[in-house]
N, C-alpha and C. Protein backbone atom coordinates (compact mmCIF):
# COMPACT_ATOMS: atom_id res chain seq x y z
N UNK A 1 -70.16 -132.94 -176.81
CA UNK A 1 -70.56 -131.59 -176.49
C UNK A 1 -69.74 -131.06 -175.32
N UNK A 2 -69.71 -129.78 -175.22
CA UNK A 2 -68.95 -129.12 -174.16
C UNK A 2 -69.70 -129.20 -172.82
N UNK A 3 -68.96 -129.13 -171.74
CA UNK A 3 -69.56 -129.15 -170.41
C UNK A 3 -70.06 -127.76 -170.05
N UNK A 4 -71.02 -127.74 -169.15
CA UNK A 4 -71.54 -126.47 -168.66
C UNK A 4 -70.62 -125.93 -167.57
N UNK A 5 -70.43 -124.62 -167.57
CA UNK A 5 -69.60 -123.96 -166.56
C UNK A 5 -70.51 -123.10 -165.70
N UNK A 6 -70.48 -123.33 -164.41
CA UNK A 6 -71.28 -122.58 -163.46
C UNK A 6 -70.48 -121.39 -162.97
N UNK A 7 -71.08 -120.20 -162.98
CA UNK A 7 -70.41 -119.00 -162.48
C UNK A 7 -71.38 -118.22 -161.60
N UNK A 8 -70.83 -117.64 -160.56
CA UNK A 8 -71.62 -116.74 -159.71
C UNK A 8 -71.58 -115.37 -160.36
N UNK A 9 -72.76 -114.80 -160.56
CA UNK A 9 -72.86 -113.48 -161.19
C UNK A 9 -73.66 -112.56 -160.27
N UNK A 10 -73.55 -111.28 -160.51
CA UNK A 10 -74.27 -110.29 -159.73
C UNK A 10 -75.15 -109.48 -160.68
N UNK A 11 -76.44 -109.42 -160.34
CA UNK A 11 -77.40 -108.64 -161.13
C UNK A 11 -78.13 -107.73 -160.15
N UNK A 12 -78.02 -106.43 -160.36
CA UNK A 12 -78.66 -105.46 -159.47
C UNK A 12 -78.33 -105.77 -158.01
N UNK A 13 -77.05 -105.97 -157.73
CA UNK A 13 -76.56 -106.22 -156.37
C UNK A 13 -77.16 -107.48 -155.74
N UNK A 14 -77.61 -108.40 -156.57
CA UNK A 14 -78.13 -109.69 -156.11
C UNK A 14 -77.25 -110.76 -156.73
N UNK A 15 -76.70 -111.64 -155.92
CA UNK A 15 -75.85 -112.71 -156.45
C UNK A 15 -76.69 -113.91 -156.80
N UNK A 16 -76.33 -114.53 -157.91
CA UNK A 16 -76.99 -115.75 -158.36
C UNK A 16 -75.98 -116.54 -159.16
N UNK A 17 -76.32 -117.75 -159.52
CA UNK A 17 -75.40 -118.53 -160.35
C UNK A 17 -76.07 -118.83 -161.68
N UNK A 18 -75.25 -119.02 -162.68
CA UNK A 18 -75.75 -119.32 -164.01
C UNK A 18 -74.82 -120.33 -164.66
N UNK A 19 -75.41 -121.30 -165.34
CA UNK A 19 -74.63 -122.32 -166.04
C UNK A 19 -74.80 -122.14 -167.54
N UNK A 20 -73.68 -121.91 -168.21
CA UNK A 20 -73.64 -121.84 -169.66
C UNK A 20 -72.50 -122.72 -170.14
N UNK A 21 -72.58 -123.16 -171.37
CA UNK A 21 -71.46 -123.87 -171.99
C UNK A 21 -70.36 -122.85 -172.27
N UNK A 22 -69.13 -123.32 -172.29
CA UNK A 22 -67.99 -122.40 -172.50
C UNK A 22 -68.13 -121.57 -173.78
N UNK A 23 -68.60 -122.12 -174.91
CA UNK A 23 -68.78 -121.25 -176.09
C UNK A 23 -69.82 -120.15 -175.85
N UNK A 24 -70.80 -120.41 -174.98
CA UNK A 24 -71.79 -119.38 -174.65
C UNK A 24 -71.15 -118.28 -173.81
N UNK A 25 -70.33 -118.66 -172.83
CA UNK A 25 -69.61 -117.65 -172.03
C UNK A 25 -68.69 -116.83 -172.94
N UNK A 26 -68.03 -117.51 -173.86
CA UNK A 26 -67.14 -116.81 -174.80
C UNK A 26 -67.93 -115.83 -175.66
N UNK A 27 -69.10 -116.25 -176.13
CA UNK A 27 -69.93 -115.36 -176.95
C UNK A 27 -70.34 -114.12 -176.15
N UNK A 28 -70.75 -114.32 -174.90
CA UNK A 28 -71.14 -113.18 -174.05
C UNK A 28 -69.95 -112.24 -173.87
N UNK A 29 -68.78 -112.81 -173.60
CA UNK A 29 -67.59 -111.97 -173.41
C UNK A 29 -67.20 -111.24 -174.69
N UNK A 30 -67.34 -111.92 -175.83
CA UNK A 30 -67.05 -111.26 -177.12
C UNK A 30 -68.01 -110.09 -177.38
N UNK A 31 -69.27 -110.30 -177.06
CA UNK A 31 -70.26 -109.22 -177.22
C UNK A 31 -69.89 -108.05 -176.31
N UNK A 32 -69.50 -108.34 -175.09
CA UNK A 32 -69.13 -107.28 -174.14
C UNK A 32 -67.93 -106.49 -174.66
N UNK A 33 -66.94 -107.20 -175.19
CA UNK A 33 -65.77 -106.50 -175.74
C UNK A 33 -66.17 -105.64 -176.93
N UNK A 34 -66.99 -106.19 -177.81
CA UNK A 34 -67.40 -105.45 -179.00
C UNK A 34 -68.20 -104.19 -178.64
N UNK A 35 -69.03 -104.30 -177.63
CA UNK A 35 -69.90 -103.19 -177.23
C UNK A 35 -69.29 -102.32 -176.13
N UNK A 36 -68.11 -102.72 -175.65
CA UNK A 36 -67.43 -101.99 -174.58
C UNK A 36 -68.35 -101.82 -173.36
N UNK A 37 -68.84 -102.96 -172.87
CA UNK A 37 -69.75 -102.98 -171.73
C UNK A 37 -69.29 -104.08 -170.78
N UNK A 38 -69.47 -103.87 -169.50
CA UNK A 38 -69.15 -104.91 -168.52
C UNK A 38 -70.25 -105.97 -168.55
N UNK A 39 -69.83 -107.21 -168.30
CA UNK A 39 -70.78 -108.33 -168.33
C UNK A 39 -71.94 -108.08 -167.37
N UNK A 40 -71.66 -107.57 -166.17
CA UNK A 40 -72.71 -107.28 -165.18
C UNK A 40 -73.75 -106.34 -165.76
N UNK A 41 -73.31 -105.29 -166.44
CA UNK A 41 -74.25 -104.32 -167.02
C UNK A 41 -75.07 -104.97 -168.14
N UNK A 42 -74.42 -105.77 -168.99
CA UNK A 42 -75.15 -106.47 -170.05
C UNK A 42 -76.23 -107.36 -169.43
N UNK A 43 -75.86 -108.12 -168.39
CA UNK A 43 -76.83 -109.00 -167.75
C UNK A 43 -77.99 -108.22 -167.14
N UNK A 44 -77.72 -107.06 -166.60
CA UNK A 44 -78.79 -106.23 -166.04
C UNK A 44 -79.72 -105.72 -167.14
N UNK A 45 -79.15 -105.38 -168.28
CA UNK A 45 -79.99 -104.95 -169.42
C UNK A 45 -80.87 -106.10 -169.90
N UNK A 46 -80.26 -107.29 -170.02
CA UNK A 46 -81.04 -108.46 -170.45
C UNK A 46 -82.14 -108.75 -169.44
N UNK A 47 -81.81 -108.76 -168.15
CA UNK A 47 -82.80 -109.04 -167.10
C UNK A 47 -83.95 -108.04 -167.15
N UNK A 48 -83.66 -106.77 -167.37
CA UNK A 48 -84.69 -105.73 -167.39
C UNK A 48 -85.59 -105.80 -168.61
N UNK A 49 -85.11 -106.45 -169.67
CA UNK A 49 -85.87 -106.44 -170.93
C UNK A 49 -86.32 -107.82 -171.39
N UNK A 50 -86.09 -108.84 -170.59
CA UNK A 50 -86.42 -110.20 -171.01
C UNK A 50 -87.92 -110.46 -170.97
N UNK A 51 -88.33 -111.45 -171.74
CA UNK A 51 -89.71 -111.90 -171.72
C UNK A 51 -89.97 -112.53 -170.34
N UNK A 52 -91.00 -112.10 -169.63
CA UNK A 52 -91.25 -112.63 -168.29
C UNK A 52 -91.50 -114.14 -168.28
N UNK A 53 -91.86 -114.70 -169.41
CA UNK A 53 -92.11 -116.14 -169.49
C UNK A 53 -90.83 -116.95 -169.55
N UNK A 54 -89.71 -116.29 -169.85
CA UNK A 54 -88.42 -116.98 -169.98
C UNK A 54 -87.57 -116.77 -168.75
N UNK A 55 -86.80 -117.78 -168.43
CA UNK A 55 -85.83 -117.65 -167.35
C UNK A 55 -84.65 -116.80 -167.79
N UNK A 56 -83.84 -116.41 -166.82
CA UNK A 56 -82.72 -115.54 -167.13
C UNK A 56 -81.68 -116.23 -168.01
N UNK A 57 -81.29 -117.46 -167.66
CA UNK A 57 -80.28 -118.17 -168.45
C UNK A 57 -80.74 -118.36 -169.89
N UNK A 58 -81.99 -118.75 -170.07
CA UNK A 58 -82.55 -118.90 -171.42
C UNK A 58 -82.50 -117.57 -172.16
N UNK A 59 -82.81 -116.48 -171.46
CA UNK A 59 -82.80 -115.15 -172.07
C UNK A 59 -81.39 -114.75 -172.51
N UNK A 60 -80.38 -115.09 -171.71
CA UNK A 60 -79.00 -114.79 -172.08
C UNK A 60 -78.61 -115.57 -173.32
N UNK A 61 -78.97 -116.85 -173.35
CA UNK A 61 -78.67 -117.68 -174.54
C UNK A 61 -79.35 -117.11 -175.78
N UNK A 62 -80.62 -116.79 -175.65
CA UNK A 62 -81.37 -116.25 -176.78
C UNK A 62 -80.78 -114.92 -177.24
N UNK A 63 -80.40 -114.07 -176.29
CA UNK A 63 -79.78 -112.80 -176.63
C UNK A 63 -78.49 -113.02 -177.41
N UNK A 64 -77.62 -113.91 -176.91
CA UNK A 64 -76.32 -114.14 -177.56
C UNK A 64 -76.51 -114.67 -178.98
N UNK A 65 -77.43 -115.61 -179.16
CA UNK A 65 -77.68 -116.15 -180.50
C UNK A 65 -78.22 -115.06 -181.42
N UNK A 66 -79.18 -114.29 -180.92
CA UNK A 66 -79.78 -113.23 -181.74
C UNK A 66 -78.75 -112.16 -182.09
N UNK A 67 -77.95 -111.76 -181.11
CA UNK A 67 -76.92 -110.75 -181.36
C UNK A 67 -75.94 -111.24 -182.43
N UNK A 68 -75.44 -112.46 -182.25
CA UNK A 68 -74.48 -113.00 -183.21
C UNK A 68 -75.10 -113.10 -184.60
N UNK A 69 -76.35 -113.53 -184.65
CA UNK A 69 -77.03 -113.65 -185.95
C UNK A 69 -77.18 -112.29 -186.62
N UNK A 70 -77.54 -111.30 -185.85
CA UNK A 70 -77.77 -109.97 -186.42
C UNK A 70 -76.49 -109.22 -186.76
N UNK A 71 -75.38 -109.59 -186.13
CA UNK A 71 -74.15 -108.84 -186.33
C UNK A 71 -73.04 -109.60 -187.04
N UNK A 72 -73.30 -110.85 -187.42
CA UNK A 72 -72.26 -111.57 -188.15
C UNK A 72 -72.30 -111.14 -189.61
N UNK A 73 -71.15 -111.14 -190.27
CA UNK A 73 -71.14 -110.73 -191.67
C UNK A 73 -72.00 -111.66 -192.51
N UNK A 74 -72.58 -111.11 -193.54
CA UNK A 74 -73.36 -111.96 -194.44
C UNK A 74 -72.44 -113.01 -195.03
N UNK A 75 -72.85 -114.24 -194.92
CA UNK A 75 -72.04 -115.35 -195.39
C UNK A 75 -72.86 -116.18 -196.36
N UNK A 76 -72.41 -116.23 -197.57
CA UNK A 76 -73.05 -117.07 -198.56
C UNK A 76 -72.05 -118.16 -198.91
N UNK A 77 -72.32 -119.41 -198.49
CA UNK A 77 -71.35 -120.47 -198.72
C UNK A 77 -71.16 -120.76 -200.21
N UNK A 78 -69.95 -121.13 -200.53
CA UNK A 78 -69.67 -121.53 -201.91
C UNK A 78 -70.28 -122.91 -202.13
N UNK A 79 -70.84 -123.08 -203.29
CA UNK A 79 -71.47 -124.35 -203.57
C UNK A 79 -70.65 -125.12 -204.60
N UNK A 80 -70.64 -126.41 -204.45
CA UNK A 80 -69.97 -127.28 -205.40
C UNK A 80 -71.04 -128.00 -206.20
N UNK A 81 -71.00 -127.85 -207.48
CA UNK A 81 -71.97 -128.51 -208.36
C UNK A 81 -73.42 -128.19 -207.96
N UNK A 82 -73.64 -126.96 -207.51
CA UNK A 82 -74.99 -126.54 -207.15
C UNK A 82 -75.45 -127.05 -205.79
N UNK A 83 -74.57 -127.72 -205.04
CA UNK A 83 -74.94 -128.25 -203.73
C UNK A 83 -74.11 -127.58 -202.65
N UNK A 84 -74.74 -127.32 -201.53
CA UNK A 84 -74.07 -126.69 -200.40
C UNK A 84 -73.16 -127.72 -199.73
N UNK A 85 -71.94 -127.33 -199.35
CA UNK A 85 -71.03 -128.25 -198.67
C UNK A 85 -71.17 -128.19 -197.15
N UNK A 86 -72.01 -127.30 -196.63
CA UNK A 86 -72.30 -127.17 -195.20
C UNK A 86 -71.04 -126.94 -194.36
N UNK A 87 -70.04 -126.29 -194.94
CA UNK A 87 -68.77 -126.06 -194.26
C UNK A 87 -68.99 -125.29 -192.95
N UNK A 88 -69.78 -124.25 -192.97
CA UNK A 88 -70.02 -123.46 -191.76
C UNK A 88 -70.64 -124.30 -190.65
N UNK A 89 -71.55 -125.20 -191.02
CA UNK A 89 -72.19 -126.05 -190.02
C UNK A 89 -71.17 -127.01 -189.41
N UNK A 90 -70.41 -127.68 -190.27
CA UNK A 90 -69.46 -128.67 -189.75
C UNK A 90 -68.30 -128.02 -188.99
N UNK A 91 -67.88 -126.84 -189.42
CA UNK A 91 -66.83 -126.12 -188.68
C UNK A 91 -67.33 -125.77 -187.28
N UNK A 92 -68.60 -125.36 -187.17
CA UNK A 92 -69.17 -125.01 -185.88
C UNK A 92 -69.30 -126.25 -185.00
N UNK A 93 -69.77 -127.35 -185.56
CA UNK A 93 -69.92 -128.60 -184.80
C UNK A 93 -68.57 -129.04 -184.23
N UNK A 94 -67.50 -128.92 -185.02
CA UNK A 94 -66.16 -129.32 -184.55
C UNK A 94 -65.73 -128.50 -183.34
N UNK A 95 -66.06 -127.22 -183.31
CA UNK A 95 -65.63 -126.38 -182.19
C UNK A 95 -66.45 -126.65 -180.93
N UNK A 96 -67.59 -127.34 -181.06
CA UNK A 96 -68.45 -127.61 -179.92
C UNK A 96 -68.00 -128.84 -179.14
N UNK A 97 -67.12 -129.65 -179.69
CA UNK A 97 -66.71 -130.90 -179.02
C UNK A 97 -65.72 -130.63 -177.92
């Protein structure tokens, strides 16, 4: 698995640190590019709308997963002999190492 990367971030003029895995940071940056928003602003939106029971880092992870799930193209894997080859799963696992 990938190592966690710690970064100092600013939310509402308050500095804090957050640890995410590099693919998670990449996902956040990809979302920011797609939506044409600065990471700081995205984090402030997430902080303002998160479930109070969840921590901020967990909320960012949940947001990134939900965003990617809702905005990725519909993908129906090709099946061999009526069985799924799980290509998408194994391709994703390979990129996580």
